[in-house]
PDB file of N, CA and C in Angstrom:
ATOM      1  N   MET A   1      55.233 -18.754 -68.171  1.00  0.00           N
ATOM      2  CA  MET A   1      55.146 -20.111 -68.584  1.00  0.00           C
ATOM      3  C   MET A   1      53.957 -20.724 -67.939  1.00  0.00           C
ATOM      4  N   LYS A   2      53.372 -21.663 -68.616  1.00  0.00           N
ATOM      5  CA  LYS A   2      52.233 -22.395 -68.084  1.00  0.00           C
ATOM      6  C   LYS A   2      52.540 -23.875 -68.195  1.00  0.00           C
ATOM      7  N   VAL A   3      52.191 -24.624 -67.106  1.00  0.00           N
ATOM      8  CA  VAL A   3      52.411 -26.027 -67.085  1.00  0.00           C
ATOM      9  C   VAL A   3      51.051 -26.743 -66.770  1.00  0.00           C
ATOM     10  N   LYS A   4      50.717 -27.695 -67.625  1.00  0.00           N
ATOM     11  CA  LYS A   4      49.490 -28.487 -67.329  1.00  0.00           C
ATOM     12  C   LYS A   4      49.725 -29.953 -67.683  1.00  0.00           C
ATOM     13  N   ASN A   5      48.959 -30.774 -67.063  1.00  0.00           N
ATOM     14  CA  ASN A   5      49.028 -32.171 -67.352  1.00  0.00           C
ATOM     15  C   ASN A   5      48.530 -32.365 -68.809  1.00  0.00           C
ATOM     16  N   MET A   6      49.152 -33.325 -69.522  1.00  0.00           N
ATOM     17  CA  MET A   6      48.677 -33.721 -70.816  1.00  0.00           C
ATOM     18  C   MET A   6      47.358 -34.379 -70.626  1.00  0.00           C
ATOM     19  N   GLU A   7      46.523 -34.303 -71.584  1.00  0.00           N
ATOM     20  CA  GLU A   7      45.173 -34.908 -71.502  1.00  0.00           C
ATOM     21  C   GLU A   7      45.100 -36.024 -72.550  1.00  0.00           C
ATOM     22  N   SER A   8      44.399 -37.101 -72.170  1.00  0.00           N
ATOM     23  CA  SER A   8      44.171 -38.219 -73.113  1.00  0.00           C
ATOM     24  C   SER A   8      43.136 -37.780 -74.162  1.00  0.00           C
ATOM     25  N   TYR A   9      42.927 -38.650 -75.161  1.00  0.00           N
ATOM     26  CA  TYR A   9      41.930 -38.399 -76.154  1.00  0.00           C
ATOM     27  C   TYR A   9      40.552 -38.208 -75.529  1.00  0.00           C
ATOM     28  N   LYS A  10      40.346 -38.853 -74.398  1.00  0.00           N
ATOM     29  CA  LYS A  10      39.031 -38.765 -73.684  1.00  0.00           C
ATOM     30  C   LYS A  10      38.966 -37.519 -72.774  1.00  0.00           C
ATOM     31  N   GLY A  11      40.021 -36.778 -72.656  1.00  0.00           N
ATOM     32  CA  GLY A  11      40.029 -35.568 -71.846  1.00  0.00           C
ATOM     33  C   GLY A  11      40.479 -35.832 -70.413  1.00  0.00           C
ATOM     34  N   ASN A  12      41.004 -36.970 -70.113  1.00  0.00           N
ATOM     35  CA  ASN A  12      41.465 -37.282 -68.742  1.00  0.00           C
ATOM     36  C   ASN A  12      42.923 -36.771 -68.579  1.00  0.00           C
ATOM     37  N   LYS A  13      43.275 -36.209 -67.357  1.00  0.00           N
ATOM     38  CA  LYS A  13      44.606 -35.753 -67.120  1.00  0.00           C
ATOM     39  C   LYS A  13      45.471 -36.970 -67.004  1.00  0.00           C
ATOM     40  N   ILE A  14      46.656 -36.911 -67.622  1.00  0.00           N
ATOM     41  CA  ILE A  14      47.569 -38.034 -67.576  1.00  0.00           C
ATOM     42  C   ILE A  14      48.704 -37.680 -66.557  1.00  0.00           C
ATOM     43  N   PRO A  15      48.860 -38.443 -65.505  1.00  0.00           N
ATOM     44  CA  PRO A  15      49.852 -38.149 -64.530  1.00  0.00           C
ATOM     45  C   PRO A  15      51.272 -38.230 -65.060  1.00  0.00           C
ATOM     46  N   ASN A  16      52.132 -37.365 -64.556  1.00  0.00           N
ATOM     47  CA  ASN A  16      53.594 -37.340 -64.952  1.00  0.00           C
ATOM     48  C   ASN A  16      53.843 -36.969 -66.392  1.00  0.00           C
ATOM     49  N   GLN A  17      52.898 -36.543 -67.167  1.00  0.00           N
ATOM     50  CA  GLN A  17      53.101 -36.129 -68.511  1.00  0.00           C
ATOM     51  C   GLN A  17      52.626 -34.692 -68.683  1.00  0.00           C
ATOM     52  N   PHE A  18      53.494 -33.797 -69.086  1.00  0.00           N
ATOM     53  CA  PHE A  18      53.190 -32.365 -68.964  1.00  0.00           C
ATOM     54  C   PHE A  18      53.428 -31.686 -70.284  1.00  0.00           C
ATOM     55  N   ILE A  19      52.554 -30.656 -70.507  1.00  0.00           N
ATOM     56  CA  ILE A  19      52.753 -29.706 -71.616  1.00  0.00           C
ATOM     57  C   ILE A  19      53.130 -28.328 -70.995  1.00  0.00           C
ATOM     58  N   ILE A  20      54.271 -27.813 -71.396  1.00  0.00           N
ATOM     59  CA  ILE A  20      54.725 -26.532 -70.862  1.00  0.00           C
ATOM     60  C   ILE A  20      54.617 -25.580 -72.011  1.00  0.00           C
ATOM     61  N   THR A  21      53.965 -24.454 -71.768  1.00  0.00           N
ATOM     62  CA  THR A  21      53.748 -23.428 -72.823  1.00  0.00           C
ATOM     63  C   THR A  21      54.470 -22.190 -72.417  1.00  0.00           C
ATOM     64  N   ASP A  22      55.355 -21.737 -73.275  1.00  0.00           N
ATOM     65  CA  ASP A  22      56.145 -20.479 -73.156  1.00  0.00           C
ATOM     66  C   ASP A  22      55.640 -19.514 -74.211  1.00  0.00           C
ATOM     67  N   GLU A  23      54.619 -18.794 -73.943  1.00  0.00           N
ATOM     68  CA  GLU A  23      53.985 -17.906 -74.909  1.00  0.00           C
ATOM     69  C   GLU A  23      54.933 -16.789 -75.335  1.00  0.00           C
ATOM     70  N   GLU A  24      55.761 -16.334 -74.486  1.00  0.00           N
ATOM     71  CA  GLU A  24      56.747 -15.202 -74.792  1.00  0.00           C
ATOM     72  C   GLU A  24      57.700 -15.658 -75.910  1.00  0.00           C
ATOM     73  N   ASN A  25      58.040 -16.934 -75.909  1.00  0.00           N
ATOM     74  CA  ASN A  25      59.013 -17.368 -76.973  1.00  0.00           C
ATOM     75  C   ASN A  25      58.322 -18.262 -78.005  1.00  0.00           C
ATOM     76  N   ASP A  26      56.985 -18.297 -78.032  1.00  0.00           N
ATOM     77  CA  ASP A  26      56.220 -19.125 -78.987  1.00  0.00           C
ATOM     78  C   ASP A  26      56.747 -20.574 -78.955  1.00  0.00           C
ATOM     79  N   ALA A  27      56.918 -21.168 -77.677  1.00  0.00           N
ATOM     80  CA  ALA A  27      57.409 -22.529 -77.631  1.00  0.00           C
ATOM     81  C   ALA A  27      56.523 -23.377 -76.773  1.00  0.00           C
ATOM     82  N   GLN A  28      56.479 -24.614 -77.091  1.00  0.00           N
ATOM     83  CA  GLN A  28      55.739 -25.582 -76.333  1.00  0.00           C
ATOM     84  C   GLN A  28      56.584 -26.839 -76.110  1.00  0.00           C
ATOM     85  N   TYR A  29      56.593 -27.416 -74.917  1.00  0.00           N
ATOM     86  CA  TYR A  29      57.383 -28.553 -74.596  1.00  0.00           C
ATOM     87  C   TYR A  29      56.545 -29.699 -74.121  1.00  0.00           C
ATOM     88  N   PHE A  30      56.935 -30.853 -74.370  1.00  0.00           N
ATOM     89  CA  PHE A  30      56.426 -32.077 -73.791  1.00  0.00           C
ATOM     90  C   PHE A  30      57.386 -32.639 -72.845  1.00  0.00           C
ATOM     91  N   GLN A  31      57.022 -32.768 -71.569  1.00  0.00           N
ATOM     92  CA  GLN A  31      57.896 -33.314 -70.513  1.00  0.00           C
ATOM     93  C   GLN A  31      57.231 -34.527 -69.928  1.00  0.00           C
ATOM     94  N   SER A  32      58.009 -35.625 -69.803  1.00  0.00           N
ATOM     95  CA  SER A  32      57.619 -36.873 -69.177  1.00  0.00           C
ATOM     96  C   SER A  32      58.416 -37.047 -67.891  1.00  0.00           C
ATOM     97  N   TYR A  33      57.725 -37.042 -66.798  1.00  0.00           N
ATOM     98  CA  TYR A  33      58.359 -37.001 -65.445  1.00  0.00           C
ATOM     99  C   TYR A  33      59.291 -35.768 -65.435  1.00  0.00           C
ATOM    100  N   ASN A  34      60.594 -35.988 -65.250  1.00  0.00           N
ATOM    101  CA  ASN A  34      61.514 -34.808 -65.121  1.00  0.00           C
ATOM    102  C   ASN A  34      62.309 -34.631 -66.452  1.00  0.00           C
ATOM    103  N   THR A  35      61.873 -35.262 -67.534  1.00  0.00           N
ATOM    104  CA  THR A  35      62.668 -35.207 -68.746  1.00  0.00           C
ATOM    105  C   THR A  35      61.883 -34.537 -69.868  1.00  0.00           C
ATOM    106  N   VAL A  36      62.576 -33.564 -70.530  1.00  0.00           N
ATOM    107  CA  VAL A  36      61.938 -32.938 -71.724  1.00  0.00           C
ATOM    108  C   VAL A  36      62.126 -33.844 -72.888  1.00  0.00           C
ATOM    109  N   ILE A  37      61.045 -34.230 -73.569  1.00  0.00           N
ATOM    110  CA  ILE A  37      61.080 -35.126 -74.657  1.00  0.00           C
ATOM    111  C   ILE A  37      61.022 -34.438 -75.988  1.00  0.00           C
ATOM    112  N   ALA A  38      60.221 -33.374 -76.078  1.00  0.00           N
ATOM    113  CA  ALA A  38      60.070 -32.659 -77.332  1.00  0.00           C
ATOM    114  C   ALA A  38      59.831 -31.216 -77.123  1.00  0.00           C
ATOM    115  N   LYS A  39      60.211 -30.436 -78.133  1.00  0.00           N
ATOM    116  CA  LYS A  39      60.056 -28.984 -78.111  1.00  0.00           C
ATOM    117  C   LYS A  39      59.480 -28.556 -79.497  1.00  0.00           C
ATOM    118  N   ARG A  40      58.485 -27.705 -79.470  1.00  0.00           N
ATOM    119  CA  ARG A  40      57.970 -27.125 -80.681  1.00  0.00           C
ATOM    120  C   ARG A  40      58.123 -25.627 -80.528  1.00  0.00           C
ATOM    121  N   CYS A  41      58.941 -25.013 -81.396  1.00  0.00           N
ATOM    122  CA  CYS A  41      59.147 -23.588 -81.297  1.00  0.00           C
ATOM    123  C   CYS A  41      59.173 -22.999 -82.677  1.00  0.00           C
ATOM    124  N   ASN A  42      58.310 -21.993 -82.910  1.00  0.00           N
ATOM    125  CA  ASN A  42      58.231 -21.339 -84.276  1.00  0.00           C
ATOM    126  C   ASN A  42      58.072 -22.436 -85.377  1.00  0.00           C
ATOM    127  N   ASN A  43      57.253 -23.391 -85.144  1.00  0.00           N
ATOM    128  CA  ASN A  43      56.961 -24.475 -86.091  1.00  0.00           C
ATOM    129  C   ASN A  43      58.115 -25.419 -86.384  1.00  0.00           C
ATOM    130  N   VAL A  44      59.178 -25.340 -85.553  1.00  0.00           N
ATOM    131  CA  VAL A  44      60.323 -26.274 -85.630  1.00  0.00           C
ATOM    132  C   VAL A  44      60.173 -27.298 -84.471  1.00  0.00           C
ATOM    133  N   VAL A  45      60.252 -28.583 -84.768  1.00  0.00           N
ATOM    134  CA  VAL A  45      60.128 -29.595 -83.768  1.00  0.00           C
ATOM    135  C   VAL A  45      61.508 -30.159 -83.514  1.00  0.00           C
ATOM    136  N   THR A  46      61.890 -30.220 -82.217  1.00  0.00           N
ATOM    137  CA  THR A  46      63.157 -30.820 -81.818  1.00  0.00           C
ATOM    138  C   THR A  46      62.796 -31.885 -80.770  1.00  0.00           C
ATOM    139  N   LEU A  47      63.381 -33.095 -80.984  1.00  0.00           N
ATOM    140  CA  LEU A  47      63.212 -34.188 -80.063  1.00  0.00           C
ATOM    141  C   LEU A  47      64.503 -34.413 -79.305  1.00  0.00           C
ATOM    142  N   ASP A  48      64.357 -34.824 -78.009  1.00  0.00           N
ATOM    143  CA  ASP A  48      65.575 -35.185 -77.252  1.00  0.00           C
ATOM    144  C   ASP A  48      66.170 -36.403 -77.873  1.00  0.00           C
ATOM    145  N   GLU A  49      67.420 -36.334 -78.205  1.00  0.00           N
ATOM    146  CA  GLU A  49      68.117 -37.405 -78.912  1.00  0.00           C
ATOM    147  C   GLU A  49      68.197 -38.710 -78.132  1.00  0.00           C
ATOM    148  N   LYS A  50      68.188 -38.663 -76.780  1.00  0.00           N
ATOM    149  CA  LYS A  50      68.296 -39.845 -75.960  1.00  0.00           C
ATOM    150  C   LYS A  50      66.899 -40.342 -75.441  1.00  0.00           C
ATOM    151  N   ALA A  51      66.024 -39.419 -75.210  1.00  0.00           N
ATOM    152  CA  ALA A  51      64.769 -39.799 -74.465  1.00  0.00           C
ATOM    153  C   ALA A  51      63.558 -39.848 -75.331  1.00  0.00           C
ATOM    154  N   HIS A  52      63.539 -39.385 -76.546  1.00  0.00           N
ATOM    155  CA  HIS A  52      62.310 -39.317 -77.324  1.00  0.00           C
ATOM    156  C   HIS A  52      61.656 -40.691 -77.534  1.00  0.00           C
ATOM    157  N   ASP A  53      62.469 -41.779 -77.521  1.00  0.00           N
ATOM    158  CA  ASP A  53      61.867 -43.086 -77.735  1.00  0.00           C
ATOM    159  C   ASP A  53      62.280 -44.034 -76.592  1.00  0.00           C
ATOM    160  N   TRP A  54      62.320 -43.475 -75.397  1.00  0.00           N
ATOM    161  CA  TRP A  54      62.809 -44.180 -74.221  1.00  0.00           C
ATOM    162  C   TRP A  54      61.958 -45.468 -73.885  1.00  0.00           C
ATOM    163  N   SER A  55      60.633 -45.302 -73.954  1.00  0.00           N
ATOM    164  CA  SER A  55      59.765 -46.406 -73.599  1.00  0.00           C
ATOM    165  C   SER A  55      58.452 -46.291 -74.430  1.00  0.00           C
ATOM    166  N   ARG A  56      57.685 -47.373 -74.404  1.00  0.00           N
ATOM    167  CA  ARG A  56      56.391 -47.372 -75.105  1.00  0.00           C
ATOM    168  C   ARG A  56      55.463 -46.233 -74.668  1.00  0.00           C
ATOM    169  N   THR A  57      55.555 -45.937 -73.379  1.00  0.00           N
ATOM    170  CA  THR A  57      54.675 -44.888 -72.797  1.00  0.00           C
ATOM    171  C   THR A  57      55.199 -43.537 -73.322  1.00  0.00           C
ATOM    172  N   THR A  58      56.525 -43.307 -73.266  1.00  0.00           N
ATOM    173  CA  THR A  58      57.096 -42.054 -73.795  1.00  0.00           C
ATOM    174  C   THR A  58      56.693 -41.869 -75.280  1.00  0.00           C
ATOM    175  N   ILE A  59      56.818 -42.924 -76.055  1.00  0.00           N
ATOM    176  CA  ILE A  59      56.461 -42.839 -77.471  1.00  0.00           C
ATOM    177  C   ILE A  59      55.005 -42.519 -77.659  1.00  0.00           C
ATOM    178  N   LYS A  60      54.163 -43.153 -76.907  1.00  0.00           N
ATOM    179  CA  LYS A  60      52.683 -42.896 -76.962  1.00  0.00           C
ATOM    180  C   LYS A  60      52.365 -41.464 -76.782  1.00  0.00           C
ATOM    181  N   TYR A  61      52.914 -40.889 -75.757  1.00  0.00           N
ATOM    182  CA  TYR A  61      52.578 -39.499 -75.434  1.00  0.00           C
ATOM    183  C   TYR A  61      53.387 -38.468 -76.257  1.00  0.00           C
ATOM    184  N   ARG A  62      54.553 -38.899 -76.707  1.00  0.00           N
ATOM    185  CA  ARG A  62      55.276 -38.037 -77.682  1.00  0.00           C
ATOM    186  C   ARG A  62      54.371 -37.940 -78.963  1.00  0.00           C
ATOM    187  N   ASN A  63      53.887 -39.046 -79.421  1.00  0.00           N
ATOM    188  CA  ASN A  63      53.050 -39.070 -80.619  1.00  0.00           C
ATOM    189  C   ASN A  63      51.825 -38.231 -80.416  1.00  0.00           C
ATOM    190  N   LEU A  64      51.186 -38.309 -79.297  1.00  0.00           N
ATOM    191  CA  LEU A  64      50.027 -37.487 -78.970  1.00  0.00           C
ATOM    192  C   LEU A  64      50.357 -36.020 -79.080  1.00  0.00           C
ATOM    193  N   PHE A  65      51.497 -35.599 -78.465  1.00  0.00           N
ATOM    194  CA  PHE A  65      51.957 -34.223 -78.459  1.00  0.00           C
ATOM    195  C   PHE A  65      52.191 -33.774 -79.880  1.00  0.00           C
ATOM    196  N   LEU A  66      52.795 -34.598 -80.736  1.00  0.00           N
ATOM    197  CA  LEU A  66      53.177 -34.225 -82.097  1.00  0.00           C
ATOM    198  C   LEU A  66      52.011 -34.370 -83.049  1.00  0.00           C
ATOM    199  N   GLY A  67      50.969 -35.160 -82.707  1.00  0.00           N
ATOM    200  CA  GLY A  67      49.908 -35.430 -83.659  1.00  0.00           C
ATOM    201  C   GLY A  67      50.319 -36.324 -84.780  1.00  0.00           C
ATOM    202  N   ALA A  68      51.208 -37.205 -84.504  1.00  0.00           N
ATOM    203  CA  ALA A  68      51.822 -38.093 -85.535  1.00  0.00           C
ATOM    204  C   ALA A  68      51.901 -39.531 -84.993  1.00  0.00           C
ATOM    205  N   ASN A  69      52.008 -40.497 -85.854  1.00  0.00           N
ATOM    206  CA  ASN A  69      52.275 -41.836 -85.375  1.00  0.00           C
ATOM    207  C   ASN A  69      53.827 -42.085 -85.492  1.00  0.00           C
ATOM    208  N   SER A  70      54.265 -43.284 -84.974  1.00  0.00           N
ATOM    209  CA  SER A  70      55.683 -43.571 -84.916  1.00  0.00           C
ATOM    210  C   SER A  70      56.331 -43.593 -86.258  1.00  0.00           C
ATOM    211  N   GLY A  71      55.683 -44.138 -87.283  1.00  0.00           N
ATOM    212  CA  GLY A  71      56.236 -44.116 -88.584  1.00  0.00           C
ATOM    213  C   GLY A  71      56.434 -42.724 -89.154  1.00  0.00           C
ATOM    214  N   GLN A  72      55.494 -41.893 -88.899  1.00  0.00           N
ATOM    215  CA  GLN A  72      55.600 -40.451 -89.340  1.00  0.00           C
ATOM    216  C   GLN A  72      56.716 -39.788 -88.616  1.00  0.00           C
ATOM    217  N   VAL A  73      56.915 -40.019 -87.337  1.00  0.00           N
ATOM    218  CA  VAL A  73      57.938 -39.376 -86.592  1.00  0.00           C
ATOM    219  C   VAL A  73      59.291 -39.835 -87.106  1.00  0.00           C
ATOM    220  N   LEU A  74      59.443 -41.135 -87.344  1.00  0.00           N
ATOM    221  CA  LEU A  74      60.771 -41.653 -87.875  1.00  0.00           C
ATOM    222  C   LEU A  74      61.050 -41.070 -89.272  1.00  0.00           C
ATOM    223  N   GLU A  75      59.998 -40.996 -90.096  1.00  0.00           N
ATOM    224  CA  GLU A  75      60.174 -40.408 -91.414  1.00  0.00           C
ATOM    225  C   GLU A  75      60.637 -38.934 -91.373  1.00  0.00           C
ATOM    226  N   ARG A  76      60.015 -38.195 -90.408  1.00  0.00           N
ATOM    227  CA  ARG A  76      60.322 -36.775 -90.251  1.00  0.00           C
ATOM    228  C   ARG A  76      61.722 -36.545 -89.665  1.00  0.00           C
ATOM    229  N   ILE A  77      62.182 -37.485 -88.776  1.00  0.00           N
ATOM    230  CA  ILE A  77      63.537 -37.388 -88.318  1.00  0.00           C
ATOM    231  C   ILE A  77      64.515 -37.687 -89.471  1.00  0.00           C
ATOM    232  N   ASN A  78      64.211 -38.730 -90.203  1.00  0.00           N
ATOM    233  CA  ASN A  78      65.114 -39.124 -91.344  1.00  0.00           C
ATOM    234  C   ASN A  78      65.242 -38.063 -92.411  1.00  0.00           C
ATOM    235  N   ASN A  79      64.117 -37.322 -92.678  1.00  0.00           N
ATOM    236  CA  ASN A  79      64.181 -36.345 -93.744  1.00  0.00           C
ATOM    237  C   ASN A  79      64.564 -34.923 -93.247  1.00  0.00           C
ATOM    238  N   GLY A  80      64.862 -34.866 -91.908  1.00  0.00           N
ATOM    239  CA  GLY A  80      65.334 -33.593 -91.313  1.00  0.00           C
ATOM    240  C   GLY A  80      64.257 -32.638 -90.910  1.00  0.00           C
ATOM    241  N   GLU A  81      62.973 -33.041 -91.071  1.00  0.00           N
ATOM    242  CA  GLU A  81      61.904 -32.181 -90.607  1.00  0.00           C
ATOM    243  C   GLU A  81      61.843 -32.035 -89.112  1.00  0.00           C
ATOM    244  N   TYR A  82      62.151 -33.098 -88.375  1.00  0.00           N
ATOM    245  CA  TYR A  82      62.276 -33.102 -86.949  1.00  0.00           C
ATOM    246  C   TYR A  82      63.801 -33.159 -86.639  1.00  0.00           C
ATOM    247  N   LEU A  83      64.254 -32.274 -85.764  1.00  0.00           N
ATOM    248  CA  LEU A  83      65.646 -32.231 -85.316  1.00  0.00           C
ATOM    249  C   LEU A  83      65.859 -33.052 -84.050  1.00  0.00           C
ATOM    250  N   LEU A  84      67.018 -33.533 -83.851  1.00  0.00           N
ATOM    251  CA  LEU A  84      67.452 -34.217 -82.667  1.00  0.00           C
ATOM    252  C   LEU A  84      68.486 -33.411 -81.908  1.00  0.00           C
ATOM    253  N   ALA A  85      68.355 -33.270 -80.592  1.00  0.00           N
ATOM    254  CA  ALA A  85      69.273 -32.472 -79.771  1.00  0.00           C
ATOM    255  C   ALA A  85      69.144 -32.884 -78.367  1.00  0.00           C
ATOM    256  N   ASP A  86      70.143 -32.498 -77.554  1.00  0.00           N
ATOM    257  CA  ASP A  86      70.129 -32.754 -76.086  1.00  0.00           C
ATOM    258  C   ASP A  86      69.277 -31.689 -75.478  1.00  0.00           C
ATOM    259  N   LEU A  87      67.984 -32.003 -75.185  1.00  0.00           N
ATOM    260  CA  LEU A  87      67.103 -31.012 -74.601  1.00  0.00           C
ATOM    261  C   LEU A  87      67.218 -30.962 -73.105  1.00  0.00           C
ATOM    262  N   ASN A  88      68.024 -31.898 -72.522  1.00  0.00           N
ATOM    263  CA  ASN A  88      68.142 -31.989 -71.092  1.00  0.00           C
ATOM    264  C   ASN A  88      69.539 -31.697 -70.573  1.00  0.00           C
ATOM    265  N   LYS A  89      70.310 -31.007 -71.410  1.00  0.00           N
ATOM    266  CA  LYS A  89      71.637 -30.690 -71.000  1.00  0.00           C
ATOM    267  C   LYS A  89      71.668 -29.911 -69.694  1.00  0.00           C
ATOM    268  N   GLY A  90      72.443 -30.421 -68.786  1.00  0.00           N
ATOM    269  CA  GLY A  90      72.525 -29.737 -67.467  1.00  0.00           C
ATOM    270  C   GLY A  90      71.402 -30.070 -66.557  1.00  0.00           C
ATOM    271  N   ASN A  91      70.423 -30.901 -66.964  1.00  0.00           N
ATOM    272  CA  ASN A  91      69.334 -31.229 -66.107  1.00  0.00           C
ATOM    273  C   ASN A  91      69.666 -32.525 -65.325  1.00  0.00           C
ATOM    274  N   ARG A  92      70.119 -32.305 -64.101  1.00  0.00           N
ATOM    275  CA  ARG A  92      70.558 -33.451 -63.255  1.00  0.00           C
ATOM    276  C   ARG A  92      69.372 -34.381 -62.851  1.00  0.00           C
ATOM    277  N   ASP A  93      68.173 -33.849 -62.933  1.00  0.00           N
ATOM    278  CA  ASP A  93      67.027 -34.627 -62.557  1.00  0.00           C
ATOM    279  C   ASP A  93      66.519 -35.542 -63.731  1.00  0.00           C
ATOM    280  N   ALA A  94      66.985 -35.350 -64.905  1.00  0.00           N
ATOM    281  CA  ALA A  94      66.537 -36.205 -66.055  1.00  0.00           C
ATOM    282  C   ALA A  94      66.937 -37.621 -65.743  1.00  0.00           C
ATOM    283  N   LYS A  95      66.021 -38.590 -65.789  1.00  0.00           N
ATOM    284  CA  LYS A  95      66.261 -39.927 -65.432  1.00  0.00           C
ATOM    285  C   LYS A  95      66.682 -40.816 -66.561  1.00  0.00           C
ATOM    286  N   ARG A  96      66.613 -40.369 -67.775  1.00  0.00           N
ATOM    287  CA  ARG A  96      66.842 -41.189 -68.897  1.00  0.00           C
ATOM    288  C   ARG A  96      68.222 -41.070 -69.443  1.00  0.00           C
TER     289      ARG A  96
END
């Protein structure tokens, strides 16, 4: 697995916002602080049901990770294209 800071559109590293890549399982995760917000695995996107829209900052970087705006994310949740699940089950460090 590889962990790196998310980068802004200008290429600056964003503190406390991480992209985790698991090449072995063809999965990529977006983590904000200690909380997994989104998972992309085999072209299926799953968002954490409690944390994916926790704050304006979380939404901003979730959208950057997904390459979508908030309206598109909501539409994709509503039509079942994006799944909702507890991505932080058992994670005592998740703050949200």
